[in-house]
């Protein structure tokens, strides 16, 4: 990560923690701006390449701030939380965070997470912009899913998960591969995270069995032609 001139917005109400992160990232070549509230974060995130977001803020709920930033665009977000339950971490992902780091954390681990998230966000666009399987259409350039002409509102991670599965129709994609490519190789998500996102996709895509669970292995995208 050293030498990358990324513009990083650090949203942290703890002055000492904000100072520590800022100092560490500046030493690695990043341009860093620190703010201590959700309202300031919403004013400044558009100028950042990456947002580091503490969810325990004094003015706004951190999940609301995360969701607002994600609704406006694809700026990568790494969230910090003190809450250790699996459900709380799933909520962070559902709100649109690309990664979730438990506090207290090691600055070296944070650096590794930042590198992984930024590598994923800077990947070159796929050669194919649109995938169509019967009534299902996935536009990767617009990040839009439609089913029988109606738009399907997917979260960021649901979309990434669906794209990965749909790009390999009829093939089993392992949980390890899904974790590595959708959530990043430096983070092992809670065991139910993938299942939660698959369940969300199944609810939104309706009764058609687009995604099949291969017990003990992973998942398979199976359009009607593959049944």
Protein backbone atom coordinates (compact mmCIF):
# COMPACT_ATOMS: atom_id res chain seq x y z
CA UNK A 1 0.00 0.00 0.00
CA UNK A 2 2.95 2.32 0.59
CA UNK A 3 3.17 5.20 -1.84
CA UNK A 4 -0.50 5.15 -2.92
CA UNK A 5 -1.85 8.72 -2.93
CA UNK A 6 -5.41 7.78 -2.05
CA UNK A 7 -7.66 10.43 -0.56
CA UNK A 8 -9.01 8.98 2.66
CA UNK A 9 -11.80 10.42 4.81
CA UNK A 10 -11.50 9.26 8.42
CA UNK A 11 -14.80 9.56 10.31
CA UNK A 12 -13.89 8.98 13.94
CA UNK A 13 -15.24 10.77 17.04
CA UNK A 14 -12.36 9.53 19.23
CA UNK A 15 -9.67 12.20 18.78
CA UNK A 16 -6.78 9.89 19.70
CA UNK A 17 -7.97 7.14 17.37
CA UNK A 18 -8.47 9.62 14.54
CA UNK A 19 -4.98 11.03 15.09
CA UNK A 20 -3.42 7.56 15.07
CA UNK A 21 -5.11 6.49 11.83
CA UNK A 22 -4.35 9.80 10.15
CA UNK A 23 -0.67 9.70 11.10
CA UNK A 24 -0.29 6.09 9.92
CA UNK A 25 -1.96 6.69 6.55
CA UNK A 26 -0.06 9.89 5.85
CA UNK A 27 3.21 8.04 6.42
CA UNK A 28 2.12 5.66 3.68
CA UNK A 29 1.48 8.42 1.17
CA UNK A 30 -2.26 8.94 1.56
CA UNK A 31 -4.00 12.30 1.64
CA UNK A 32 -6.09 12.19 4.80
CA UNK A 33 -8.91 14.34 6.16
CA UNK A 34 -10.39 13.59 9.56
CA UNK A 35 -13.89 14.52 10.79
CA UNK A 36 -15.64 13.69 14.05
CA UNK A 37 -19.32 13.53 13.06
CA UNK A 38 -21.69 11.92 10.59
CA UNK A 39 -22.96 15.25 9.30
CA UNK A 40 -19.43 16.35 8.38
CA UNK A 41 -18.82 12.98 6.74
CA UNK A 42 -21.87 13.45 4.49
CA UNK A 43 -20.56 16.87 3.48
CA UNK A 44 -17.09 15.61 2.52
CA UNK A 45 -17.22 11.97 1.36
CA UNK A 46 -17.56 12.92 -2.32
CA UNK A 47 -13.96 14.15 -2.31
CA UNK A 48 -12.58 10.85 -0.97
CA UNK A 49 -11.40 7.65 -2.65
CA UNK A 50 -12.10 5.72 0.56
CA UNK A 51 -14.14 6.31 3.73
CA UNK A 52 -13.10 4.86 7.10
CA UNK A 53 -16.26 5.09 9.18
CA UNK A 54 -16.64 4.62 12.93
CA UNK A 55 -20.25 3.58 13.50
CA UNK A 56 -20.42 5.01 17.03
CA UNK A 57 -20.93 8.69 16.19
CA UNK A 58 -22.26 11.48 18.38
CA UNK A 59 -24.82 12.99 16.01
CA UNK A 60 -26.03 10.40 13.46
CA UNK A 61 -26.34 6.63 13.46
CA UNK A 62 -23.28 5.21 11.70
CA UNK A 63 -25.38 2.75 9.70
CA UNK A 64 -27.47 5.62 8.33
CA UNK A 65 -24.31 7.47 7.28
CA UNK A 66 -22.99 4.32 5.62
CA UNK A 67 -26.26 3.72 3.77
CA UNK A 68 -26.41 7.34 2.58
CA UNK A 69 -22.88 7.22 1.16
CA UNK A 70 -23.57 3.91 -0.54
CA UNK A 71 -26.88 5.09 -2.02
CA UNK A 72 -25.07 8.01 -3.64
CA UNK A 73 -22.30 5.99 -5.29
CA UNK A 74 -19.59 3.35 -5.07
CA UNK A 75 -17.07 5.05 -2.79
CA UNK A 76 -15.43 2.17 -0.83
CA UNK A 77 -16.29 2.10 2.89
CA UNK A 78 -14.56 0.30 5.75
CA UNK A 79 -16.60 0.47 8.95
CA UNK A 80 -15.41 0.18 12.56
CA UNK A 81 -17.66 -1.23 15.25
CA UNK A 82 -17.50 -2.35 18.87
CA UNK A 83 -20.45 -4.71 18.37
CA UNK A 84 -19.29 -8.29 18.02
CA UNK A 85 -22.49 -10.18 17.23
CA UNK A 86 -22.84 -11.79 13.81
CA UNK A 87 -26.14 -9.98 13.18
CA UNK A 88 -24.61 -6.55 13.86
CA UNK A 89 -21.87 -7.25 11.34
CA UNK A 90 -24.41 -8.42 8.77
CA UNK A 91 -26.30 -5.14 9.25
CA UNK A 92 -23.09 -3.24 8.50
CA UNK A 93 -22.70 -5.14 5.23
CA UNK A 94 -26.37 -4.66 4.34
CA UNK A 95 -25.90 -0.93 4.86
CA UNK A 96 -23.28 -1.00 2.11
CA UNK A 97 -19.89 -1.29 3.82
CA UNK A 98 -17.20 -3.12 1.86
CA UNK A 99 -15.52 -4.37 5.03
CA UNK A 100 -16.10 -4.32 8.77
CA UNK A 101 -13.34 -4.12 11.37
CA UNK A 102 -13.89 -4.85 15.05
CA UNK A 103 -12.53 -2.38 17.59
CA UNK A 104 -9.90 -2.33 18.95
CA UNK A 105 -7.98 -3.09 15.79
CA UNK A 106 -4.32 -3.19 14.78
CA UNK A 107 -3.18 -0.51 12.36
CA UNK A 108 -1.30 -3.12 10.32
CA UNK A 109 -4.53 -5.06 9.86
CA UNK A 110 -6.32 -1.86 8.86
CA UNK A 111 -3.61 -1.23 6.24
CA UNK A 112 -4.12 -4.73 4.82
CA UNK A 113 -7.89 -4.27 4.69
CA UNK A 114 -7.53 -0.93 2.92
CA UNK A 115 -5.24 -2.48 0.32
CA UNK A 116 -7.69 -5.33 -0.34
CA UNK A 117 -10.72 -3.04 -0.63
CA UNK A 118 -8.96 -0.61 -2.94
CA UNK A 119 -7.66 -3.38 -5.19
CA UNK A 120 -11.20 -4.67 -5.64
CA UNK A 121 -12.61 -1.21 -6.31
CA UNK A 122 -9.95 -0.50 -8.95
CA UNK A 123 -10.34 -3.76 -10.88
CA UNK A 124 -10.76 -3.21 -14.63
CA UNK A 125 -14.30 -3.49 -15.94
CA UNK A 126 -15.41 -6.86 -17.24
CA UNK A 127 -15.29 -7.43 -21.00
CA UNK A 128 -19.02 -8.20 -20.95
CA UNK A 129 -21.21 -5.37 -19.68
CA UNK A 130 -24.55 -7.18 -19.76
CA UNK A 131 -25.59 -10.75 -18.93
CA UNK A 132 -29.06 -11.97 -19.90
CA UNK A 133 -30.63 -15.23 -18.82
CA UNK A 134 -34.24 -15.43 -19.96
CA UNK A 135 -36.19 -12.75 -18.05
CA UNK A 136 -33.18 -11.86 -15.89
CA UNK A 137 -30.89 -9.06 -17.05
CA UNK A 138 -27.73 -7.97 -15.21
CA UNK A 139 -26.13 -4.72 -16.38
CA UNK A 140 -22.69 -4.59 -14.79
CA UNK A 141 -21.84 -1.15 -16.12
CA UNK A 142 -24.96 0.42 -14.62
CA UNK A 143 -24.94 -2.02 -11.68
CA UNK A 144 -28.58 -2.74 -12.36
CA UNK A 145 -30.64 -5.94 -12.22
CA UNK A 146 -34.02 -6.30 -13.92
CA UNK A 147 -36.41 -9.25 -13.90
CA UNK A 148 -39.18 -9.31 -16.53
CA UNK A 149 -38.50 -5.63 -17.13
CA UNK A 150 -38.88 -4.61 -13.48
CA UNK A 151 -35.89 -3.31 -11.56
CA UNK A 152 -34.62 -5.45 -8.69
CA UNK A 153 -33.10 -3.36 -5.90
CA UNK A 154 -29.97 -5.18 -4.75
CA UNK A 155 -27.47 -4.13 -2.13
CA UNK A 156 -23.87 -3.63 -3.26
CA UNK A 157 -22.80 -7.04 -2.00
CA UNK A 158 -25.89 -8.82 -3.35
CA UNK A 159 -25.09 -7.41 -6.78
CA UNK A 160 -21.43 -8.46 -6.60
CA UNK A 161 -22.44 -11.93 -5.41
CA UNK A 162 -25.01 -12.35 -8.19
CA UNK A 163 -22.53 -11.17 -10.84
CA UNK A 164 -19.90 -13.64 -9.71
CA UNK A 165 -22.35 -16.56 -9.72
CA UNK A 166 -24.00 -15.55 -13.02
CA UNK A 167 -20.64 -15.22 -14.76
CA UNK A 168 -20.13 -18.97 -14.20
CA UNK A 169 -23.55 -20.50 -15.01
CA UNK A 170 -23.91 -24.16 -14.18
CA UNK A 171 -20.65 -24.18 -12.22
CA UNK A 172 -20.31 -24.53 -8.46
CA UNK A 173 -18.63 -21.54 -6.82
CA UNK A 174 -17.16 -22.41 -3.44
CA UNK A 175 -17.78 -20.42 -0.29
CA UNK A 176 -14.05 -19.74 -0.10
CA UNK A 177 -14.07 -18.21 -3.59
CA UNK A 178 -17.13 -16.11 -2.79
CA UNK A 179 -15.53 -14.82 0.40
CA UNK A 180 -12.27 -14.04 -1.39
CA UNK A 181 -13.73 -12.29 -4.43
CA UNK A 182 -16.74 -10.53 -2.92
CA UNK A 183 -15.54 -9.78 0.61
CA UNK A 184 -11.76 -9.81 0.21
CA UNK A 185 -9.03 -12.28 1.03
CA UNK A 186 -8.00 -10.44 4.18
CA UNK A 187 -11.32 -10.89 5.94
CA UNK A 188 -13.26 -13.98 6.95
CA UNK A 189 -16.92 -12.90 7.26
CA UNK A 190 -19.29 -14.42 9.81
CA UNK A 191 -20.33 -17.90 8.69
CA UNK A 192 -23.92 -16.88 7.86
CA UNK A 193 -23.05 -13.76 5.85
CA UNK A 194 -23.07 -15.48 2.44
CA UNK A 195 -26.28 -17.36 3.28
CA UNK A 196 -27.94 -14.10 4.36
CA UNK A 197 -27.07 -12.41 1.06
CA UNK A 198 -28.16 -15.43 -1.01
CA UNK A 199 -31.45 -15.52 0.89
CA UNK A 200 -31.93 -11.82 0.12
CA UNK A 201 -31.34 -12.45 -3.59
CA UNK A 202 -33.80 -15.33 -3.61
CA UNK A 203 -36.49 -13.16 -2.04
CA UNK A 204 -35.93 -10.45 -4.62
CA UNK A 205 -35.66 -12.68 -7.68
CA UNK A 206 -38.91 -14.47 -6.90
CA UNK A 207 -39.89 -18.13 -7.08
CA UNK A 208 -37.52 -19.13 -9.90
CA UNK A 209 -34.63 -21.19 -8.57
CA UNK A 210 -31.79 -19.11 -9.97
CA UNK A 211 -29.33 -19.97 -7.20
CA UNK A 212 -28.89 -23.54 -6.00
CA UNK A 213 -27.17 -24.43 -2.73
CA UNK A 214 -24.58 -27.19 -3.06
CA UNK A 215 -24.46 -28.41 0.52
CA UNK A 216 -21.02 -28.34 2.07
CA UNK A 217 -19.43 -26.73 -1.02
CA UNK A 218 -21.00 -23.49 -2.20
CA UNK A 219 -23.58 -22.20 -4.68
CA UNK A 220 -24.45 -22.54 -8.35
CA UNK A 221 -26.27 -20.14 -10.68
CA UNK A 222 -28.68 -22.22 -12.76
CA UNK A 223 -30.83 -20.46 -15.35
CA UNK A 224 -33.82 -22.39 -16.69
CA UNK A 225 -31.74 -23.78 -19.59
CA UNK A 226 -29.49 -25.55 -17.11
CA UNK A 227 -32.26 -27.36 -15.25
